[in-house]
Amino acid sequence: MRRFLFLMLLVASTSHASLRQYAAKVESSTWQLAPPNRLECSLQHSLPGYGTAMFTSYASKRLNMEFELDMLRLPKTYGVASVYSVPPKWMPGEMHRNIADMKIRKQFNGDLPESAAWTMLSELEKGYWPTVYYQDWYNPSDMVSVALNAANFASPYEEFVNCVANLLPFGFEDIAYTVLTYKKNSTELTKGSKKKLDMIGDYLKEDSELELVLLDGYSDSIGGRWKNQQMSLQRAEEVKSYFAQLGVESDRIDVTGHGERRHASPNSNPRDRAKNRRVVIRMERP
């Protein structure tokens, strides 16, 4: 069925009777890399009269990629679009290749997951034009094709690949809830917690616009109760100072010292007591 649909589209394209085509001209084809940072990389291609095509990768433990069609006119109905790799006219004899089917959702931009997005990028790198075909949701007698022009793609794509390679190997969800532990009767972090705090610091250097940071300090039950309460507060205050130095506004950081209350583990042995000497970090973004 899909091959039949595509053949019908080819017939329509030769007559220009019922296929509306959107693509940048070769001489004006533009690919742009959004201002790069270590949290997100976005490569964008303008589609005159239609919208913008975007490839985006985010900071994460895993390599990722997604494709989105930011449409000026959002879909009115539900359906399925066919995505093909189409050779430009200066590649005679080359075959069209199917890449994926793209679900059309009412009042949402079109998008494709990682595998299809990477395939589209590799086809562009070879000079092919990834093209989306679907029946127009506003005019049922028309078919629509949206083509990504490979002209002027190589240099921005190289910058995009370098940007993706430089993304942080973790995302906000990996640090939004973090537990830091401390050495006995001290505000000195354990070795593992120093690494966790460094991770948060690397993230905040790129994105300091947090809506709220909650810092809850705790202690074990060894020593006096008042001293433990002050120790738990001091631990949390030092983390607050660290965040403030990285650009987080102080009035967005809420600090509480709980002392011996709300133990995470029993206080019956050194290993369990070590789990109670902690600062819990909770962060929220807009």
Protein backbone atom coordinates (compact mmCIF):
# COMPACT_ATOMS: atom_id res chain seq x y z
CA MET A 1 0.00 0.00 0.00
CA ARG A 2 2.80 2.38 0.90
CA ARG A 3 4.66 1.74 -2.37
CA PHE A 4 1.43 2.29 -4.29
CA LEU A 5 0.88 5.59 -2.51
CA PHE A 6 4.40 6.72 -3.31
CA LEU A 7 4.01 5.80 -6.99
CA MET A 8 0.83 7.85 -7.09
CA LEU A 9 2.72 10.77 -5.59
CA LEU A 10 5.37 10.50 -8.27
CA VAL A 11 2.73 10.59 -10.96
CA ALA A 12 1.17 13.62 -9.33
CA SER A 13 4.51 15.39 -9.08
CA THR A 14 5.07 15.11 -12.84
CA SER A 15 1.80 16.85 -13.60
CA HIS A 16 1.96 19.34 -10.69
CA ALA A 17 -1.82 19.00 -10.55
CA SER A 18 -2.38 17.84 -6.99
CA LEU A 19 0.97 17.77 -5.22
CA ARG A 20 1.96 20.86 -3.29
CA GLN A 21 5.71 20.94 -2.73
CA TYR A 22 7.60 22.75 0.01
CA ALA A 23 11.38 22.95 -0.09
CA ALA A 24 14.11 25.55 0.09
CA LYS A 25 15.72 26.41 -3.23
CA VAL A 26 19.26 25.16 -3.69
CA GLU A 27 20.70 28.67 -3.77
CA SER A 28 18.87 29.69 -0.57
CA SER A 29 19.01 26.44 1.39
CA THR A 30 19.99 27.29 4.98
CA TRP A 31 21.04 25.02 7.84
CA GLN A 32 21.75 26.64 11.19
CA LEU A 33 23.08 25.35 14.48
CA ALA A 34 21.34 26.93 17.47
CA PRO A 35 23.77 28.53 19.94
CA PRO A 36 25.61 25.45 21.22
CA ASN A 37 25.83 24.45 24.86
CA ARG A 38 26.40 21.21 26.77
CA LEU A 39 22.71 20.61 27.45
CA GLU A 40 21.12 20.69 24.00
CA CYS A 41 22.17 20.73 20.34
CA SER A 42 19.69 21.73 17.64
CA LEU A 43 20.23 21.80 13.87
CA GLN A 44 17.50 23.71 12.04
CA HIS A 45 16.46 24.00 8.38
CA SER A 46 14.02 26.65 7.13
CA LEU A 47 11.17 25.47 4.88
CA PRO A 48 9.71 28.57 3.15
CA GLY A 49 5.93 28.73 3.46
CA TYR A 50 5.81 25.65 5.67
CA GLY A 51 7.87 25.97 8.85
CA THR A 52 11.13 24.60 10.20
CA ALA A 53 12.73 21.16 10.33
CA MET A 54 14.74 20.48 13.50
CA PHE A 55 17.12 17.76 14.64
CA THR A 56 17.76 17.85 18.39
CA SER A 57 19.91 15.93 20.86
CA TYR A 58 19.90 16.43 24.64
CA ALA A 59 22.36 15.85 27.47
CA SER A 60 21.74 12.32 28.72
CA LYS A 61 23.40 9.09 29.81
CA ARG A 62 22.53 7.71 26.37
CA LEU A 63 23.08 9.11 22.90
CA ASN A 64 19.75 10.37 21.58
CA MET A 65 18.25 12.23 18.63
CA GLU A 66 14.81 13.37 17.52
CA PHE A 67 13.37 15.03 14.44
CA GLU A 68 10.53 17.56 14.53
CA LEU A 69 8.59 19.41 11.86
CA ASP A 70 7.61 22.76 13.36
CA MET A 71 4.61 23.54 11.14
CA LEU A 72 3.05 26.94 10.53
CA ARG A 73 -0.30 25.16 10.07
CA LEU A 74 -0.81 22.30 12.49
CA PRO A 75 -2.65 19.14 11.43
CA LYS A 76 -6.44 19.26 11.52
CA THR A 77 -6.84 15.49 11.53
CA TYR A 78 -5.00 12.29 12.42
CA GLY A 79 -3.13 10.28 9.82
CA VAL A 80 0.20 8.86 8.66
CA ALA A 81 2.89 10.47 6.51
CA SER A 82 5.51 8.56 4.52
CA VAL A 83 9.13 9.66 4.81
CA TYR A 84 11.47 8.85 1.91
CA SER A 85 15.04 9.56 0.99
CA VAL A 86 14.76 11.17 -2.44
CA PRO A 87 17.71 11.69 -4.81
CA PRO A 88 17.91 15.21 -6.24
CA LYS A 89 17.53 15.63 -9.99
CA TRP A 90 21.32 15.69 -10.49
CA MET A 91 21.50 12.06 -9.29
CA PRO A 92 19.84 10.30 -12.26
CA GLY A 93 19.17 6.61 -11.81
CA GLU A 94 19.32 6.65 -8.00
CA MET A 95 16.41 5.04 -6.18
CA HIS A 96 13.99 6.48 -3.63
CA ARG A 97 14.30 4.72 -0.27
CA ASN A 98 11.72 4.50 2.48
CA ILE A 99 12.90 5.79 5.87
CA ALA A 100 9.87 5.62 8.16
CA ASP A 101 6.19 6.35 8.66
CA MET A 102 5.43 9.47 10.69
CA LYS A 103 2.23 9.63 12.72
CA ILE A 104 0.20 12.78 12.20
CA ARG A 105 -1.51 13.95 15.37
CA LYS A 106 -4.18 16.62 15.46
CA GLN A 107 -2.79 20.03 16.51
CA PHE A 108 0.74 18.67 17.07
CA ASN A 109 3.98 19.01 15.11
CA GLY A 110 5.20 15.96 13.27
CA ASP A 111 8.13 14.09 14.84
CA LEU A 112 10.26 10.99 14.46
CA PRO A 113 12.30 9.01 17.01
CA GLU A 114 16.03 8.42 17.22
CA SER A 115 16.60 5.74 14.56
CA ALA A 116 14.64 7.54 11.83
CA ALA A 117 16.20 10.90 12.75
CA TRP A 118 19.75 9.54 12.47
CA THR A 119 18.85 7.90 9.15
CA MET A 120 17.59 11.21 7.78
CA LEU A 121 20.85 12.90 8.82
CA SER A 122 22.95 10.21 7.16
CA GLU A 123 20.91 10.53 3.95
CA LEU A 124 21.40 14.31 3.97
CA GLU A 125 25.12 13.73 4.46
CA LYS A 126 25.12 11.68 1.24
CA GLY A 127 23.29 14.45 -0.63
CA TYR A 128 19.78 12.96 -0.62
CA TRP A 129 16.67 14.92 0.27
CA PRO A 130 14.57 13.35 3.07
CA THR A 131 10.99 14.10 2.05
CA VAL A 132 7.70 13.79 3.93
CA TYR A 133 4.54 12.95 1.92
CA TYR A 134 0.97 13.10 3.21
CA GLN A 135 -2.58 13.94 2.19
CA ASP A 136 -3.37 17.57 3.01
CA TRP A 137 -5.64 17.85 6.04
CA TYR A 138 -7.16 21.14 4.79
CA ASN A 139 -7.66 20.21 1.12
CA PRO A 140 -8.45 16.50 0.62
CA SER A 141 -7.79 16.73 -3.14
CA ASP A 142 -4.14 17.70 -2.54
CA MET A 143 -1.07 15.77 -1.53
CA VAL A 144 1.80 17.56 0.19
CA SER A 145 5.54 16.95 0.00
CA VAL A 146 8.01 18.58 2.39
CA ALA A 147 11.64 18.15 1.35
CA LEU A 148 14.82 18.84 3.28
CA ASN A 149 17.40 20.30 0.89
CA ALA A 150 20.90 18.86 1.34
CA ALA A 151 22.57 21.96 -0.13
CA ASN A 152 24.79 23.81 2.37
CA PHE A 153 24.32 20.98 4.88
CA ALA A 154 27.87 19.67 5.37
CA SER A 155 29.49 22.44 7.41
CA PRO A 156 26.60 23.05 9.88
CA TYR A 157 26.22 19.28 10.27
CA GLU A 158 29.88 18.93 11.24
CA GLU A 159 29.37 21.61 13.89
CA PHE A 160 26.24 19.81 15.07
CA VAL A 161 28.08 16.48 15.42
CA ASN A 162 30.81 18.20 17.45
CA CYS A 163 28.14 19.79 19.65
CA VAL A 164 26.49 16.40 20.28
CA ALA A 165 29.86 14.87 21.17
CA ASN A 166 30.33 17.61 23.79
CA LEU A 167 26.97 17.18 25.54
CA LEU A 168 27.05 16.37 29.23
CA PRO A 169 26.80 12.59 29.80
CA PHE A 170 23.81 13.13 32.11
CA GLY A 171 20.61 15.17 32.11
CA PHE A 172 18.54 17.16 34.59
CA GLU A 173 16.59 14.09 35.64
CA ASP A 174 19.87 12.46 36.76
CA ILE A 175 20.68 15.24 39.24
CA ALA A 176 17.26 16.65 40.17
CA TYR A 177 17.18 14.43 43.26
CA THR A 178 20.61 13.84 44.77
CA VAL A 179 21.77 12.63 48.17
CA LEU A 180 25.19 13.80 49.39
CA THR A 181 26.85 11.98 52.30
CA TYR A 182 29.50 13.26 54.72
CA LYS A 183 32.41 12.10 56.80
CA LYS A 184 31.89 11.62 60.54
CA ASN A 185 31.38 14.81 62.56
CA SER A 186 32.37 16.92 59.56
CA THR A 187 31.13 19.07 56.68
CA GLU A 188 33.54 17.27 54.35
CA LEU A 189 31.82 15.24 51.65
CA THR A 190 32.62 11.61 51.00
CA LYS A 191 34.56 10.87 47.80
CA GLY A 192 31.48 9.66 45.88
CA SER A 193 29.44 12.69 46.93
CA LYS A 194 32.16 15.07 45.77
CA LYS A 195 31.74 13.56 42.30
CA LYS A 196 27.97 14.00 42.51
CA LEU A 197 28.33 17.64 43.49
CA ASP A 198 30.80 18.20 40.65
CA MET A 199 28.20 16.79 38.24
CA ILE A 200 25.60 19.22 39.53
CA GLY A 201 28.13 22.04 39.22
CA ASP A 202 28.86 21.14 35.58
CA TYR A 203 25.13 21.22 34.88
CA LEU A 204 24.53 24.54 36.62
CA LYS A 205 27.35 26.17 34.66
CA GLU A 206 25.17 25.58 31.58
CA ASP A 207 21.72 26.13 33.10
CA SER A 208 21.39 28.17 36.27
CA GLU A 209 17.72 29.10 35.73
CA LEU A 210 16.25 26.84 38.37
CA GLU A 211 12.84 27.60 39.78
CA LEU A 212 13.49 26.12 43.20
CA VAL A 213 16.25 24.26 45.05
CA LEU A 214 15.45 22.52 48.33
CA LEU A 215 18.39 21.56 50.54
CA ASP A 216 17.64 19.37 53.56
CA GLY A 217 20.52 18.64 55.92
CA TYR A 218 20.58 15.68 58.33
CA SER A 219 22.96 14.12 60.85
CA ASP A 220 23.46 10.85 62.69
CA SER A 221 22.62 10.58 66.41
CA ILE A 222 26.18 10.59 67.77
CA GLY A 223 26.84 13.70 69.85
CA GLY A 224 24.53 16.34 71.27
CA ARG A 225 21.21 17.05 69.62
CA TRP A 226 21.80 20.82 69.29
CA LYS A 227 25.28 20.27 67.83
CA ASN A 228 23.89 17.78 65.31
CA GLN A 229 21.17 20.20 64.26
CA GLN A 230 23.77 22.92 63.66
CA MET A 231 26.01 20.50 61.77
CA SER A 232 23.15 19.49 59.45
CA LEU A 233 22.35 23.14 58.79
CA GLN A 234 25.98 24.01 58.10
CA ARG A 235 26.27 21.21 55.57
CA ALA A 236 23.22 22.47 53.68
CA GLU A 237 24.39 26.10 53.86
CA GLU A 238 27.73 25.20 52.28
CA VAL A 239 25.93 23.54 49.38
CA LYS A 240 23.80 26.66 49.02
CA SER A 241 26.92 28.83 48.82
CA TYR A 242 28.35 26.53 46.16
CA PHE A 243 25.19 26.83 44.05
CA ALA A 244 25.04 30.59 44.50
CA GLN A 245 28.61 30.89 43.19
CA LEU A 246 27.46 29.09 40.04
CA GLY A 247 24.68 31.61 39.40
CA VAL A 248 21.62 30.21 41.16
CA GLU A 249 19.78 33.08 42.85
CA SER A 250 19.95 32.76 46.64
CA ASP A 251 16.23 33.45 47.09
CA ARG A 252 15.49 30.33 45.03
CA ILE A 253 17.41 28.09 47.45
CA ASP A 254 15.56 26.92 50.55
CA VAL A 255 17.73 25.45 53.33
CA THR A 256 16.55 23.37 56.31
CA GLY A 257 18.63 21.63 58.99
CA HIS A 258 16.83 18.62 60.45
CA GLY A 259 19.59 17.33 62.72
CA GLU A 260 18.91 13.83 64.06
CA ARG A 261 15.32 13.71 62.81
CA ARG A 262 14.07 11.60 59.88
CA HIS A 263 16.81 8.98 59.78
CA ALA A 264 17.35 7.14 56.51
CA SER A 265 18.88 4.17 58.33
CA PRO A 266 19.19 2.93 61.93
CA ASN A 267 21.96 4.44 64.03
CA SER A 268 23.06 1.08 65.42
CA ASN A 269 26.33 0.69 63.46
CA PRO A 270 28.89 2.89 61.64
CA ARG A 271 27.72 1.92 58.15
CA ASP A 272 24.10 2.87 58.79
CA ARG A 273 25.05 6.05 60.64
CA ALA A 274 27.06 7.16 57.61
CA LYS A 275 23.85 7.09 55.54
CA ASN A 276 22.22 9.53 57.96
CA ARG A 277 24.95 12.16 57.57
CA ARG A 278 23.52 13.65 54.39
CA VAL A 279 22.14 16.59 52.43
CA VAL A 280 19.20 15.85 50.14
CA ILE A 281 19.04 18.08 47.05
CA ARG A 282 15.77 18.55 45.18
CA MET A 283 15.66 20.82 42.16
CA GLU A 284 12.82 22.06 39.98
CA ARG A 285 12.94 23.78 36.59
CA PRO A 286 10.32 26.13 35.10
